[in-house]
Amino acid sequence: MPLIGYARVSSAGQSLDLQEEQLRAAGVAEDHLFSEKRSGTTREGRSALEEALRFVRRGDVLLVTRLDRLARSVTDLRHIVDQIVAKGAGIRALQQGDFDTTSSNGKLLLHTLAAFAEFETDLRRERQMEGIAKAKAEGRYRGGKPSVDAAEVRRLKAEGKRPVDIARELKIARASVYRALEGPDESG
């Protein structure tokens, strides 16, 4: 039974080395190891995951160090598992015990661990929002930098350009043009 390894970290500043070492030690061949530095909150943009899923064949086992390396939501994990099981392959997580994704116990463990991963993501998001609210209350939060130059939008409008043309020229959404035109004039 060939092992296919998948390793993931969320940001460029993190290292894949430990996961890759553990997967190799478990028997994953170098040409069967897929790694990437992408958020696990969505499958979008995770090319190494998609490549690993295409690579998996009947009888293979997709090996990860932990299930949260595959997905951070129950829905995404369920889709990934369904895709692998439909190919006649299985999933194993090194740090969460061996389990068989085709058994009732394996499915229960899978859903339980996925629910905890999603819960952890939600808690992190809530803490972030609490921190932003506190910073706003203390006057320390300024938000992100505006992505639209409102003065430039107004200048182009004053030249007689239509909002659709302004949006095209500045490569922004037409709704952003309207918001900039409705907002306060900060020029003077």
Protein backbone atom coordinates (compact mmCIF):
# COMPACT_ATOMS: atom_id res chain seq x y z
CA MET A 1 0.00 0.00 0.00
CA PRO A 2 1.76 3.14 -1.24
CA LEU A 3 1.86 6.12 1.11
CA ILE A 4 1.17 9.61 -0.24
CA GLY A 5 2.31 12.38 2.12
CA TYR A 6 0.78 15.82 2.46
CA ALA A 7 2.29 18.59 4.61
CA ARG A 8 0.93 22.11 5.08
CA VAL A 9 1.69 25.18 7.16
CA SER A 10 -0.36 28.36 7.11
CA SER A 11 2.22 31.03 6.47
CA ALA A 12 5.49 31.61 4.68
CA GLY A 13 7.26 32.19 8.01
CA GLN A 14 6.51 28.67 9.21
CA SER A 15 8.59 25.61 8.36
CA LEU A 16 7.42 22.41 6.69
CA ASP A 17 10.57 20.56 7.78
CA LEU A 18 9.16 18.76 10.85
CA GLN A 19 6.07 17.48 9.04
CA GLU A 20 8.09 16.38 6.03
CA GLU A 21 10.60 14.55 8.28
CA GLN A 22 7.77 12.73 10.08
CA LEU A 23 6.12 11.72 6.81
CA ARG A 24 9.41 10.42 5.36
CA ALA A 25 10.12 8.50 8.59
CA ALA A 26 6.68 6.87 8.25
CA GLY A 27 7.63 5.60 4.79
CA VAL A 28 6.57 8.29 2.33
CA ALA A 29 8.86 8.35 -0.70
CA GLU A 30 10.24 11.73 -1.80
CA ASP A 31 8.29 11.67 -5.09
CA HIS A 32 5.08 10.92 -3.14
CA LEU A 33 5.41 13.94 -0.80
CA PHE A 34 3.33 17.06 -1.45
CA SER A 35 3.91 20.24 0.61
CA GLU A 36 2.67 23.82 0.62
CA LYS A 37 2.46 27.01 2.64
CA ARG A 38 -1.22 27.98 2.44
CA SER A 39 -4.08 28.54 4.86
CA GLY A 40 -6.17 25.46 5.57
CA THR A 41 -9.40 27.39 6.04
CA THR A 42 -10.29 26.82 2.39
CA ARG A 43 -9.26 24.48 -0.42
CA GLU A 44 -8.94 27.42 -2.80
CA GLY A 45 -5.39 27.97 -4.02
CA ARG A 46 -4.01 24.81 -2.41
CA SER A 47 -2.35 23.38 -5.51
CA ALA A 48 -0.24 20.78 -3.65
CA LEU A 49 -3.38 19.37 -2.01
CA GLU A 50 -5.15 19.16 -5.37
CA GLU A 51 -2.07 17.50 -6.90
CA ALA A 52 -1.92 14.96 -4.05
CA LEU A 53 -5.62 14.20 -4.44
CA ARG A 54 -5.14 13.61 -8.19
CA PHE A 55 -2.11 11.41 -7.46
CA VAL A 56 -3.89 9.10 -4.97
CA ARG A 57 -4.94 5.74 -6.43
CA ARG A 58 -6.93 2.72 -5.22
CA GLY A 59 -5.15 1.09 -2.29
CA ASP A 60 -3.05 4.18 -1.45
CA VAL A 61 -3.10 5.91 1.93
CA LEU A 62 -2.92 9.69 2.18
CA LEU A 63 -0.73 10.34 5.21
CA VAL A 64 -0.71 13.61 7.18
CA THR A 65 0.78 14.44 10.55
CA ARG A 66 -2.59 15.77 11.83
CA LEU A 67 -6.01 16.10 10.22
CA ASP A 68 -5.96 19.89 10.56
CA ARG A 69 -3.18 19.85 7.95
CA LEU A 70 -5.83 18.66 5.47
CA ALA A 71 -8.64 21.03 6.43
CA ARG A 72 -9.80 23.45 9.10
CA SER A 73 -13.52 22.94 8.54
CA VAL A 74 -15.69 19.88 8.82
CA THR A 75 -17.19 20.57 5.39
CA ASP A 76 -13.82 20.77 3.59
CA LEU A 77 -12.51 17.72 5.43
CA ARG A 78 -15.63 15.75 4.55
CA HIS A 79 -15.22 16.65 0.84
CA ILE A 80 -11.54 15.66 0.88
CA VAL A 81 -12.29 12.37 2.64
CA ASP A 82 -15.16 11.61 0.26
CA GLN A 83 -12.88 12.25 -2.72
CA ILE A 84 -10.18 9.92 -1.35
CA VAL A 85 -12.60 7.18 -0.29
CA ALA A 86 -14.32 7.32 -3.70
CA LYS A 87 -10.94 6.41 -5.23
CA GLY A 88 -10.64 3.40 -2.94
CA ALA A 89 -7.89 4.97 -0.85
CA GLY A 90 -7.65 5.77 2.86
CA ILE A 91 -6.38 8.50 5.18
CA ARG A 92 -4.11 8.23 8.18
CA ALA A 93 -2.96 10.92 10.63
CA LEU A 94 0.31 10.10 12.41
CA GLN A 95 -0.30 12.11 15.57
CA GLN A 96 -3.95 11.17 15.99
CA GLY A 97 -3.69 7.41 15.99
CA ASP A 98 -4.35 4.99 13.21
CA PHE A 99 -7.89 4.92 12.04
CA ASP A 100 -9.67 3.40 9.09
CA THR A 101 -11.75 5.96 7.20
CA THR A 102 -14.06 3.20 5.98
CA SER A 103 -15.06 2.05 9.49
CA SER A 104 -17.71 3.59 11.74
CA ASN A 105 -15.12 4.29 14.45
CA GLY A 106 -12.81 5.92 11.92
CA LYS A 107 -15.61 8.14 10.63
CA LEU A 108 -16.56 9.17 14.16
CA LEU A 109 -12.95 10.02 15.02
CA LEU A 110 -12.57 11.90 11.76
CA HIS A 111 -15.65 14.06 12.38
CA THR A 112 -14.72 14.67 16.00
CA LEU A 113 -11.21 15.82 15.15
CA ALA A 114 -12.49 17.94 12.26
CA ALA A 115 -15.05 19.59 14.54
CA PHE A 116 -12.30 20.50 16.99
CA ALA A 117 -10.17 21.95 14.19
CA GLU A 118 -13.10 24.08 13.02
CA PHE A 119 -13.84 25.11 16.61
CA GLU A 120 -10.21 26.20 17.07
CA THR A 121 -10.40 28.30 13.89
CA ASP A 122 -13.63 29.94 15.09
CA LEU A 123 -12.10 30.71 18.50
CA ARG A 124 -9.06 32.30 16.86
CA ARG A 125 -11.34 34.45 14.68
CA GLU A 126 -13.40 35.50 17.73
CA ARG A 127 -10.25 36.45 19.67
CA GLN A 128 -9.07 38.49 16.70
CA MET A 129 -12.40 40.33 16.49
CA GLU A 130 -12.33 40.99 20.25
CA GLY A 131 -8.83 42.43 19.92
CA ILE A 132 -9.92 44.67 17.05
CA ALA A 133 -12.98 45.87 19.01
CA LYS A 134 -10.79 46.66 22.03
CA ALA A 135 -8.24 48.52 19.89
CA LYS A 136 -11.06 50.51 18.26
CA ALA A 137 -12.50 51.43 21.67
CA GLU A 138 -9.06 52.62 22.78
CA GLY A 139 -8.57 54.57 19.56
CA ARG A 140 -5.60 52.45 18.47
CA TYR A 141 -7.22 50.71 15.49
CA ARG A 142 -7.07 52.46 12.18
CA GLY A 143 -8.06 49.56 9.93
CA GLY A 144 -6.43 48.76 6.65
CA LYS A 145 -5.15 51.37 4.27
CA PRO A 146 -7.77 52.54 1.79
CA SER A 147 -7.43 50.66 -1.47
CA VAL A 148 -9.21 53.36 -3.48
CA ASP A 149 -7.83 56.85 -4.00
CA ALA A 150 -11.05 58.85 -3.45
CA ALA A 151 -9.41 62.09 -4.58
CA GLU A 152 -8.43 60.49 -7.88
CA VAL A 153 -11.98 59.14 -8.33
CA ARG A 154 -13.41 62.64 -7.74
CA ARG A 155 -10.86 64.21 -10.11
CA LEU A 156 -11.80 61.82 -12.90
CA LYS A 157 -15.51 62.42 -12.23
CA ALA A 158 -14.90 66.19 -12.40
CA GLU A 159 -13.32 65.62 -15.84
CA GLY A 160 -16.69 64.22 -16.90
CA LYS A 161 -15.84 60.54 -16.87
CA ARG A 162 -18.59 58.03 -16.13
CA PRO A 163 -18.28 55.77 -13.05
CA VAL A 164 -17.92 52.70 -15.27
CA ASP A 165 -14.99 54.33 -17.10
CA ILE A 166 -13.39 55.45 -13.82
CA ALA A 167 -13.67 51.90 -12.47
CA ARG A 168 -12.07 50.47 -15.60
CA GLU A 169 -9.24 53.04 -15.59
CA LEU A 170 -8.42 52.58 -11.89
CA LYS A 171 -9.03 48.81 -12.00
CA ILE A 172 -11.55 48.94 -9.15
CA ALA A 173 -15.16 47.88 -8.76
CA ARG A 174 -17.86 50.31 -9.87
CA ALA A 175 -19.36 50.12 -6.36
CA SER A 176 -16.03 51.42 -5.01
CA VAL A 177 -16.31 54.41 -7.34
CA TYR A 178 -19.78 55.21 -6.01
CA ARG A 179 -18.62 54.85 -2.38
CA ALA A 180 -15.70 57.20 -3.03
CA LEU A 181 -18.02 59.75 -4.63
CA GLU A 182 -20.49 59.54 -1.72
CA GLY A 183 -17.81 59.74 0.97
CA PRO A 184 -16.60 62.98 2.57
CA ASP A 185 -14.40 65.22 0.46
CA GLU A 186 -11.07 65.29 2.30
CA SER A 187 -9.35 67.66 -0.10
CA GLY A 188 -9.79 70.74 1.89
